């Protein structure tokens, strides 16, 4: 019985250790993604939604749902879609 409990304890400790390692790796990946997005923004002078704050991303999503999101050419998504369907 004691051996079984020791084995369960070791397994749980390993699981906790693996979860911690996974969390550290995920943070590294997230940091790398953010770093690359900022580099893209700097290199190409493009807008990357949501890298400054969650608010800008939410606002961008809301504007898109409302049909007022503009592309880099200044043409709104709604008018572009309407012109495609009307032609």
PDB file of N, CA and C in Angstrom:
ATOM      1  N   UNK A   1       0.831  -1.202   0.000  1.00  0.00           N
ATOM      2  CA  UNK A   1       0.000   0.000   0.000  1.00  0.00           C
ATOM      3  C   UNK A   1       0.877   1.270   0.000  1.00  0.00           C
ATOM      4  N   UNK A   2       1.913   1.254   0.827  1.00  0.00           N
ATOM      5  CA  UNK A   2       2.819   2.394   0.905  1.00  0.00           C
ATOM      6  C   UNK A   2       3.544   2.615  -0.420  1.00  0.00           C
ATOM      7  N   UNK A   3       3.965   1.527  -1.055  1.00  0.00           N
ATOM      8  CA  UNK A   3       4.646   1.621  -2.362  1.00  0.00           C
ATOM      9  C   UNK A   3       3.728   2.272  -3.390  1.00  0.00           C
ATOM     10  N   UNK A   4       2.456   1.859  -3.372  1.00  0.00           N
ATOM     11  CA  UNK A   4       1.497   2.401  -4.337  1.00  0.00           C
ATOM     12  C   UNK A   4       1.313   3.912  -4.112  1.00  0.00           C
ATOM     13  N   UNK A   5       1.213   4.326  -2.853  1.00  0.00           N
ATOM     14  CA  UNK A   5       1.062   5.751  -2.553  1.00  0.00           C
ATOM     15  C   UNK A   5       2.305   6.541  -2.966  1.00  0.00           C
ATOM     16  N   UNK A   6       3.480   5.967  -2.745  1.00  0.00           N
ATOM     17  CA  UNK A   6       4.721   6.621  -3.168  1.00  0.00           C
ATOM     18  C   UNK A   6       4.760   6.774  -4.682  1.00  0.00           C
ATOM     19  N   UNK A   7       4.303   5.731  -5.369  1.00  0.00           N
ATOM     20  CA  UNK A   7       4.278   5.766  -6.834  1.00  0.00           C
ATOM     21  C   UNK A   7       3.305   6.842  -7.327  1.00  0.00           C
ATOM     22  N   UNK A   8       2.118   6.923  -6.710  1.00  0.00           N
ATOM     23  CA  UNK A   8       1.139   7.948  -7.087  1.00  0.00           C
ATOM     24  C   UNK A   8       1.700   9.351  -6.838  1.00  0.00           C
ATOM     25  N   UNK A   9       2.389   9.514  -5.705  1.00  0.00           N
ATOM     26  CA  UNK A   9       2.993  10.802  -5.381  1.00  0.00           C
ATOM     27  C   UNK A   9       4.037  11.191  -6.423  1.00  0.00           C
ATOM     28  N   UNK A  10       4.871  10.257  -6.820  1.00  0.00           N
ATOM     29  CA  UNK A  10       5.883  10.527  -7.845  1.00  0.00           C
ATOM     30  C   UNK A  10       5.237  10.906  -9.169  1.00  0.00           C
ATOM     31  N   UNK A  11       4.173  10.185  -9.524  1.00  0.00           N
ATOM     32  CA  UNK A  11       3.477  10.493 -10.783  1.00  0.00           C
ATOM     33  C   UNK A  11       2.886  11.908 -10.740  1.00  0.00           C
ATOM     34  N   UNK A  12       2.282  12.265  -9.606  1.00  0.00           N
ATOM     35  CA  UNK A  12       1.702  13.604  -9.485  1.00  0.00           C
ATOM     36  C   UNK A  12       2.788  14.675  -9.526  1.00  0.00           C
ATOM     37  N   UNK A  13       3.928  14.399  -8.895  1.00  0.00           N
ATOM     38  CA  UNK A  13       5.036  15.355  -8.930  1.00  0.00           C
ATOM     39  C   UNK A  13       5.553  15.531 -10.354  1.00  0.00           C
ATOM     40  N   UNK A  14       5.636  14.424 -11.084  1.00  0.00           N
ATOM     41  CA  UNK A  14       6.075  14.505 -12.486  1.00  0.00           C
ATOM     42  C   UNK A  14       5.085  15.307 -13.321  1.00  0.00           C
ATOM     43  N   UNK A  15       3.790  15.073 -13.083  1.00  0.00           N
ATOM     44  CA  UNK A  15       2.758  15.798 -13.820  1.00  0.00           C
ATOM     45  C   UNK A  15       2.855  17.299 -13.543  1.00  0.00           C
ATOM     46  N   UNK A  16       3.049  17.646 -12.271  1.00  0.00           N
ATOM     47  CA  UNK A  16       3.183  19.059 -11.900  1.00  0.00           C
ATOM     48  C   UNK A  16       4.416  19.663 -12.566  1.00  0.00           C
ATOM     49  N   UNK A  17       5.504  18.920 -12.558  1.00  0.00           N
ATOM     50  CA  UNK A  17       6.742  19.399 -13.181  1.00  0.00           C
ATOM     51  C   UNK A  17       6.545  19.586 -14.686  1.00  0.00           C
ATOM     52  N   UNK A  18       5.870  18.629 -15.326  1.00  0.00           N
ATOM     53  CA  UNK A  18       5.604  18.736 -16.765  1.00  0.00           C
ATOM     54  C   UNK A  18       4.700  19.925 -17.069  1.00  0.00           C
ATOM     55  N   UNK A  19       3.686  20.133 -16.223  1.00  0.00           N
ATOM     56  CA  UNK A  19       2.788  21.273 -16.430  1.00  0.00           C
ATOM     57  C   UNK A  19       3.542  22.593 -16.313  1.00  0.00           C
ATOM     58  N   UNK A  20       4.454  22.665 -15.352  1.00  0.00           N
ATOM     59  CA  UNK A  20       5.247  23.882 -15.176  1.00  0.00           C
ATOM     60  C   UNK A  20       6.153  24.114 -16.388  1.00  0.00           C
ATOM     61  N   UNK A  21       6.774  23.046 -16.880  1.00  0.00           N
ATOM     62  CA  UNK A  21       7.630  23.177 -18.062  1.00  0.00           C
ATOM     63  C   UNK A  21       6.808  23.610 -19.273  1.00  0.00           C
ATOM     64  N   UNK A  22       5.610  23.038 -19.406  1.00  0.00           N
ATOM     65  CA  UNK A  22       4.735  23.396 -20.526  1.00  0.00           C
ATOM     66  C   UNK A  22       4.338  24.872 -20.435  1.00  0.00           C
ATOM     67  N   UNK A  23       4.032  25.334 -19.217  1.00  0.00           N
ATOM     68  CA  UNK A  23       3.655  26.728 -19.029  1.00  0.00           C
ATOM     69  C   UNK A  23       4.809  27.654 -19.420  1.00  0.00           C
ATOM     70  N   UNK A  24       6.014  27.297 -19.020  1.00  0.00           N
ATOM     71  CA  UNK A  24       7.192  28.101 -19.364  1.00  0.00           C
ATOM     72  C   UNK A  24       7.379  28.136 -20.880  1.00  0.00           C
ATOM     73  N   UNK A  25       7.213  26.989 -21.538  1.00  0.00           N
ATOM     74  CA  UNK A  25       7.352  26.936 -22.999  1.00  0.00           C
ATOM     75  C   UNK A  25       6.287  27.789 -23.681  1.00  0.00           C
ATOM     76  N   UNK A  26       5.046  27.728 -23.177  1.00  0.00           N
ATOM     77  CA  UNK A  26       3.968  28.511 -23.776  1.00  0.00           C
ATOM     78  C   UNK A  26       4.245  30.014 -23.639  1.00  0.00           C
ATOM     79  N   UNK A  27       4.786  30.425 -22.502  1.00  0.00           N
ATOM     80  CA  UNK A  27       5.131  31.837 -22.311  1.00  0.00           C
ATOM     81  C   UNK A  27       6.217  32.240 -23.303  1.00  0.00           C
ATOM     82  N   UNK A  28       7.197  31.363 -23.514  1.00  0.00           N
ATOM     83  CA  UNK A  28       8.267  31.657 -24.481  1.00  0.00           C
ATOM     84  C   UNK A  28       7.692  31.810 -25.886  1.00  0.00           C
ATOM     85  N   UNK A  29       6.777  30.907 -26.256  1.00  0.00           N
ATOM     86  CA  UNK A  29       6.165  30.960 -27.587  1.00  0.00           C
ATOM     87  C   UNK A  29       5.362  32.251 -27.738  1.00  0.00           C
ATOM     88  N   UNK A  30       4.568  32.583 -26.720  1.00  0.00           N
ATOM     89  CA  UNK A  30       3.772  33.810 -26.772  1.00  0.00           C
ATOM     90  C   UNK A  30       4.674  35.032 -26.923  1.00  0.00           C
ATOM     91  N   UNK A  31       5.746  35.081 -26.143  1.00  0.00           N
ATOM     92  CA  UNK A  31       6.677  36.207 -26.232  1.00  0.00           C
ATOM     93  C   UNK A  31       7.304  36.303 -27.623  1.00  0.00           C
ATOM     94  N   UNK A  32       7.632  35.162 -28.204  1.00  0.00           N
ATOM     95  CA  UNK A  32       8.228  35.155 -29.548  1.00  0.00           C
ATOM     96  C   UNK A  32       7.222  35.653 -30.590  1.00  0.00           C
ATOM     97  N   UNK A  33       5.966  35.233 -30.459  1.00  0.00           N
ATOM     98  CA  UNK A  33       4.927  35.682 -31.398  1.00  0.00           C
ATOM     99  C   UNK A  33       4.756  37.195 -31.301  1.00  0.00           C
ATOM    100  N   UNK A  34       4.659  37.699 -30.077  1.00  0.00           N
ATOM    101  CA  UNK A  34       4.500  39.147 -29.887  1.00  0.00           C
ATOM    102  C   UNK A  34       5.713  39.893 -30.438  1.00  0.00           C
ATOM    103  N   UNK A  35       6.916  39.359 -30.200  1.00  0.00           N
ATOM    104  CA  UNK A  35       8.138  39.996 -30.701  1.00  0.00           C
ATOM    105  C   UNK A  35       8.114  40.064 -32.227  1.00  0.00           C
ATOM    106  N   UNK A  36       7.704  38.958 -32.860  1.00  0.00           N
ATOM    107  CA  UNK A  36       7.663  38.943 -34.334  1.00  0.00           C
ATOM    108  C   UNK A  36       6.600  39.884 -34.878  1.00  0.00           C
ATOM    109  N   UNK A  37       5.445  39.947 -34.212  1.00  0.00           N
ATOM    110  CA  UNK A  37       4.400  40.869 -34.660  1.00  0.00           C
ATOM    111  C   UNK A  37       4.877  42.315 -34.565  1.00  0.00           C
ATOM    112  N   UNK A  38       5.532  42.646 -33.470  1.00  0.00           N
ATOM    113  CA  UNK A  38       6.058  44.010 -33.332  1.00  0.00           C
ATOM    114  C   UNK A  38       7.124  44.285 -34.390  1.00  0.00           C
ATOM    115  N   UNK A  39       7.952  43.290 -34.695  1.00  0.00           N
ATOM    116  CA  UNK A  39       8.986  43.457 -35.722  1.00  0.00           C
ATOM    117  C   UNK A  39       8.332  43.674 -37.088  1.00  0.00           C
ATOM    118  N   UNK A  40       7.279  42.889 -37.385  1.00  0.00           N
ATOM    119  CA  UNK A  40       6.559  43.072 -38.653  1.00  0.00           C
ATOM    120  C   UNK A  40       5.980  44.478 -38.729  1.00  0.00           C
ATOM    121  N   UNK A  41       5.389  44.915 -37.636  1.00  0.00           N
ATOM    122  CA  UNK A  41       4.792  46.249 -37.611  1.00  0.00           C
ATOM    123  C   UNK A  41       5.864  47.302 -37.880  1.00  0.00           C
ATOM    124  N   UNK A  42       7.004  47.131 -37.254  1.00  0.00           N
ATOM    125  CA  UNK A  42       8.089  48.103 -37.422  1.00  0.00           C
ATOM    126  C   UNK A  42       8.666  48.051 -38.838  1.00  0.00           C
ATOM    127  N   UNK A  43       8.895  46.831 -39.356  1.00  0.00           N
ATOM    128  CA  UNK A  43       9.524  46.675 -40.670  1.00  0.00           C
ATOM    129  C   UNK A  43       8.626  47.147 -41.803  1.00  0.00           C
ATOM    130  N   UNK A  44       7.370  46.791 -41.752  1.00  0.00           N
ATOM    131  CA  UNK A  44       6.486  47.065 -42.879  1.00  0.00           C
ATOM    132  C   UNK A  44       5.508  48.198 -42.603  1.00  0.00           C
ATOM    133  N   UNK A  45       5.560  48.735 -41.374  1.00  0.00           N
ATOM    134  CA  UNK A  45       4.660  49.807 -40.981  1.00  0.00           C
ATOM    135  C   UNK A  45       3.205  49.400 -41.187  1.00  0.00           C
ATOM    136  N   UNK A  46       2.867  48.199 -40.726  1.00  0.00           N
ATOM    137  CA  UNK A  46       1.491  47.720 -40.841  1.00  0.00           C
ATOM    138  C   UNK A  46       0.860  47.671 -39.459  1.00  0.00           C
ATOM    139  N   UNK A  47      -0.446  47.663 -39.436  1.00  0.00           N
ATOM    140  CA  UNK A  47      -1.166  47.612 -38.166  1.00  0.00           C
ATOM    141  C   UNK A  47      -1.444  46.151 -37.831  1.00  0.00           C
ATOM    142  N   UNK A  48      -1.053  45.745 -36.636  1.00  0.00           N
ATOM    143  CA  UNK A  48      -1.344  44.395 -36.163  1.00  0.00           C
ATOM    144  C   UNK A  48      -2.314  44.545 -35.010  1.00  0.00           C
ATOM    145  N   UNK A  49      -3.550  44.089 -35.208  1.00  0.00           N
ATOM    146  CA  UNK A  49      -4.581  44.242 -34.184  1.00  0.00           C
ATOM    147  C   UNK A  49      -4.198  43.524 -32.905  1.00  0.00           C
ATOM    148  N   UNK A  50      -4.463  44.156 -31.786  1.00  0.00           N
ATOM    149  CA  UNK A  50      -4.408  43.479 -30.503  1.00  0.00           C
ATOM    150  C   UNK A  50      -3.050  43.326 -29.874  1.00  0.00           C
ATOM    151  N   UNK A  51      -1.983  43.887 -30.451  1.00  0.00           N
ATOM    152  CA  UNK A  51      -0.681  43.727 -29.806  1.00  0.00           C
ATOM    153  C   UNK A  51      -0.465  44.784 -28.736  1.00  0.00           C
ATOM    154  N   UNK A  52      -1.166  45.912 -28.818  1.00  0.00           N
ATOM    155  CA  UNK A  52      -1.010  46.937 -27.783  1.00  0.00           C
ATOM    156  C   UNK A  52      -1.870  46.625 -26.571  1.00  0.00           C
ATOM    157  N   UNK A  53      -3.109  46.237 -26.801  1.00  0.00           N
ATOM    158  CA  UNK A  53      -3.998  45.926 -25.685  1.00  0.00           C
ATOM    159  C   UNK A  53      -5.145  45.081 -26.203  1.00  0.00           C
ATOM    160  N   UNK A  54      -5.825  44.447 -25.277  1.00  0.00           N
ATOM    161  CA  UNK A  54      -6.996  43.662 -25.656  1.00  0.00           C
ATOM    162  C   UNK A  54      -8.101  44.569 -26.170  1.00  0.00           C
ATOM    163  N   UNK A  55      -8.134  45.801 -25.713  1.00  0.00           N
ATOM    164  CA  UNK A  55      -9.192  46.722 -26.112  1.00  0.00           C
ATOM    165  C   UNK A  55      -9.161  46.991 -27.607  1.00  0.00           C
ATOM    166  N   UNK A  56      -7.975  47.228 -28.174  1.00  0.00           N
ATOM    167  CA  UNK A  56      -7.905  47.546 -29.599  1.00  0.00           C
ATOM    168  C   UNK A  56      -8.376  46.361 -30.429  1.00  0.00           C
ATOM    169  N   UNK A  57      -8.074  45.151 -29.961  1.00  0.00           N
ATOM    170  CA  UNK A  57      -8.521  43.967 -30.683  1.00  0.00           C
ATOM    171  C   UNK A  57     -10.039  43.863 -30.627  1.00  0.00           C
ATOM    172  N   UNK A  58     -10.605  44.119 -29.437  1.00  0.00           N
ATOM    173  CA  UNK A  58     -12.054  44.031 -29.294  1.00  0.00           C
ATOM    174  C   UNK A  58     -12.736  45.096 -30.131  1.00  0.00           C
ATOM    175  N   UNK A  59     -12.181  46.286 -30.144  1.00  0.00           N
ATOM    176  CA  UNK A  59     -12.750  47.367 -30.952  1.00  0.00           C
ATOM    177  C   UNK A  59     -12.677  46.997 -32.426  1.00  0.00           C
ATOM    178  N   UNK A  60     -11.548  46.444 -32.862  1.00  0.00           N
ATOM    179  CA  UNK A  60     -11.406  46.034 -34.255  1.00  0.00           C
ATOM    180  C   UNK A  60     -12.416  44.979 -34.642  1.00  0.00           C
ATOM    181  N   UNK A  61     -12.628  44.004 -33.751  1.00  0.00           N
ATOM    182  CA  UNK A  61     -13.608  42.963 -34.038  1.00  0.00           C
ATOM    183  C   UNK A  61     -15.006  43.558 -34.101  1.00  0.00           C
ATOM    184  N   UNK A  62     -15.324  44.478 -33.194  1.00  0.00           N
ATOM    185  CA  UNK A  62     -16.641  45.089 -33.176  1.00  0.00           C
ATOM    186  C   UNK A  62     -16.871  45.893 -34.449  1.00  0.00           C
ATOM    187  N   UNK A  63     -15.870  46.671 -34.850  1.00  0.00           N
ATOM    188  CA  UNK A  63     -16.000  47.461 -36.070  1.00  0.00           C
ATOM    189  C   UNK A  63     -16.202  46.558 -37.274  1.00  0.00           C
ATOM    190  N   UNK A  64     -15.490  45.426 -37.312  1.00  0.00           N
ATOM    191  CA  UNK A  64     -15.646  44.524 -38.444  1.00  0.00           C
ATOM    192  C   UNK A  64     -17.054  43.953 -38.475  1.00  0.00           C
ATOM    193  N   UNK A  65     -17.581  43.583 -37.293  1.00  0.00           N
ATOM    194  CA  UNK A  65     -18.938  43.045 -37.240  1.00  0.00           C
ATOM    195  C   UNK A  65     -19.945  44.100 -37.679  1.00  0.00           C
ATOM    196  N   UNK A  66     -19.649  45.361 -37.392  1.00  0.00           N
ATOM    197  CA  UNK A  66     -20.545  46.441 -37.786  1.00  0.00           C
ATOM    198  C   UNK A  66     -20.372  46.818 -39.261  1.00  0.00           C
ATOM    199  N   UNK A  67     -19.375  46.257 -39.921  1.00  0.00           N
ATOM    200  CA  UNK A  67     -19.163  46.540 -41.331  1.00  0.00           C
ATOM    201  C   UNK A  67     -18.397  47.823 -41.584  1.00  0.00           C
ATOM    202  N   UNK A  68     -17.723  48.333 -40.553  1.00  0.00           N
ATOM    203  CA  UNK A  68     -17.008  49.592 -40.749  1.00  0.00           C
ATOM    204  C   UNK A  68     -15.497  49.410 -40.726  1.00  0.00           C
ATOM    205  N   UNK A  69     -15.048  48.172 -40.681  1.00  0.00           N
ATOM    206  CA  UNK A  69     -13.597  47.945 -40.688  1.00  0.00           C
ATOM    207  C   UNK A  69     -13.051  48.253 -42.076  1.00  0.00           C
ATOM    208  N   UNK A  70     -11.987  48.987 -42.133  1.00  0.00           N
ATOM    209  CA  UNK A  70     -11.404  49.366 -43.415  1.00  0.00           C
ATOM    210  C   UNK A  70     -10.138  48.575 -43.688  1.00  0.00           C
ATOM    211  N   UNK A  71      -9.919  48.273 -44.931  1.00  0.00           N
ATOM    212  CA  UNK A  71      -8.669  47.628 -45.318  1.00  0.00           C
ATOM    213  C   UNK A  71      -7.614  48.703 -45.496  1.00  0.00           C
ATOM    214  N   UNK A  72      -6.401  48.294 -45.809  1.00  0.00           N
ATOM    215  CA  UNK A  72      -5.321  49.275 -45.964  1.00  0.00           C
ATOM    216  C   UNK A  72      -5.572  50.209 -47.149  1.00  0.00           C
ATOM    217  N   UNK A  73      -6.442  49.808 -48.073  1.00  0.00           N
ATOM    218  CA  UNK A  73      -6.731  50.669 -49.222  1.00  0.00           C
ATOM    219  C   UNK A  73      -7.798  51.701 -48.894  1.00  0.00           C
ATOM    220  N   UNK A  74      -8.407  51.580 -47.705  1.00  0.00           N
ATOM    221  CA  UNK A  74      -9.431  52.535 -47.317  1.00  0.00           C
ATOM    222  C   UNK A  74     -10.817  52.113 -47.745  1.00  0.00           C
ATOM    223  N   UNK A  75     -10.948  50.938 -48.305  1.00  0.00           N
ATOM    224  CA  UNK A  75     -12.246  50.441 -48.760  1.00  0.00           C
ATOM    225  C   UNK A  75     -12.850  49.607 -47.642  1.00  0.00           C
ATOM    226  N   UNK A  76     -14.059  49.925 -47.222  1.00  0.00           N
ATOM    227  CA  UNK A  76     -14.640  49.164 -46.118  1.00  0.00           C
ATOM    228  C   UNK A  76     -15.060  47.779 -46.595  1.00  0.00           C
ATOM    229  N   UNK A  77     -15.079  46.837 -45.667  1.00  0.00           N
ATOM    230  CA  UNK A  77     -15.400  45.448 -46.003  1.00  0.00           C
ATOM    231  C   UNK A  77     -16.813  45.336 -46.547  1.00  0.00           C
ATOM    232  N   UNK A  78     -17.735  46.120 -45.993  1.00  0.00           N
ATOM    233  CA  UNK A  78     -19.130  46.036 -46.423  1.00  0.00           C
ATOM    234  C   UNK A  78     -19.289  46.517 -47.861  1.00  0.00           C
ATOM    235  N   UNK A  79     -18.708  47.664 -48.184  1.00  0.00           N
ATOM    236  CA  UNK A  79     -18.874  48.199 -49.538  1.00  0.00           C
ATOM    237  C   UNK A  79     -18.187  47.311 -50.565  1.00  0.00           C
ATOM    238  N   UNK A  80     -17.068  46.701 -50.184  1.00  0.00           N
ATOM    239  CA  UNK A  80     -16.385  45.799 -51.115  1.00  0.00           C
ATOM    240  C   UNK A  80     -17.253  44.585 -51.397  1.00  0.00           C
ATOM    241  N   UNK A  81     -17.885  44.056 -50.346  1.00  0.00           N
ATOM    242  CA  UNK A  81     -18.752  42.889 -50.518  1.00  0.00           C
ATOM    243  C   UNK A  81     -19.963  43.259 -51.358  1.00  0.00           C
ATOM    244  N   UNK A  82     -20.553  44.411 -51.077  1.00  0.00           N
ATOM    245  CA  UNK A  82     -21.731  44.840 -51.837  1.00  0.00           C
ATOM    246  C   UNK A  82     -21.390  45.006 -53.316  1.00  0.00           C
ATOM    247  N   UNK A  83     -20.230  45.598 -53.595  1.00  0.00           N
ATOM    248  CA  UNK A  83     -19.872  45.818 -54.992  1.00  0.00           C
ATOM    249  C   UNK A  83     -19.599  44.496 -55.702  1.00  0.00           C
ATOM    250  N   UNK A  84     -19.092  43.514 -54.973  1.00  0.00           N
ATOM    251  CA  UNK A  84     -18.872  42.203 -55.586  1.00  0.00           C
ATOM    252  C   UNK A  84     -20.195  41.552 -55.961  1.00  0.00           C
ATOM    253  N   UNK A  85     -21.175  41.645 -55.043  1.00  0.00           N
ATOM    254  CA  UNK A  85     -22.454  40.989 -55.302  1.00  0.00           C
ATOM    255  C   UNK A  85     -23.270  41.733 -56.356  1.00  0.00           C
ATOM    256  N   UNK A  86     -23.091  43.028 -56.447  1.00  0.00           N
ATOM    257  CA  UNK A  86     -23.910  43.780 -57.392  1.00  0.00           C
ATOM    258  C   UNK A  86     -23.401  43.669 -58.827  1.00  0.00           C
ATOM    259  N   UNK A  87     -22.144  43.248 -58.996  1.00  0.00           N
ATOM    260  CA  UNK A  87     -21.600  43.232 -60.359  1.00  0.00           C
ATOM    261  C   UNK A  87     -21.888  41.963 -61.095  1.00  0.00           C
TER     262      UNK A  87
END
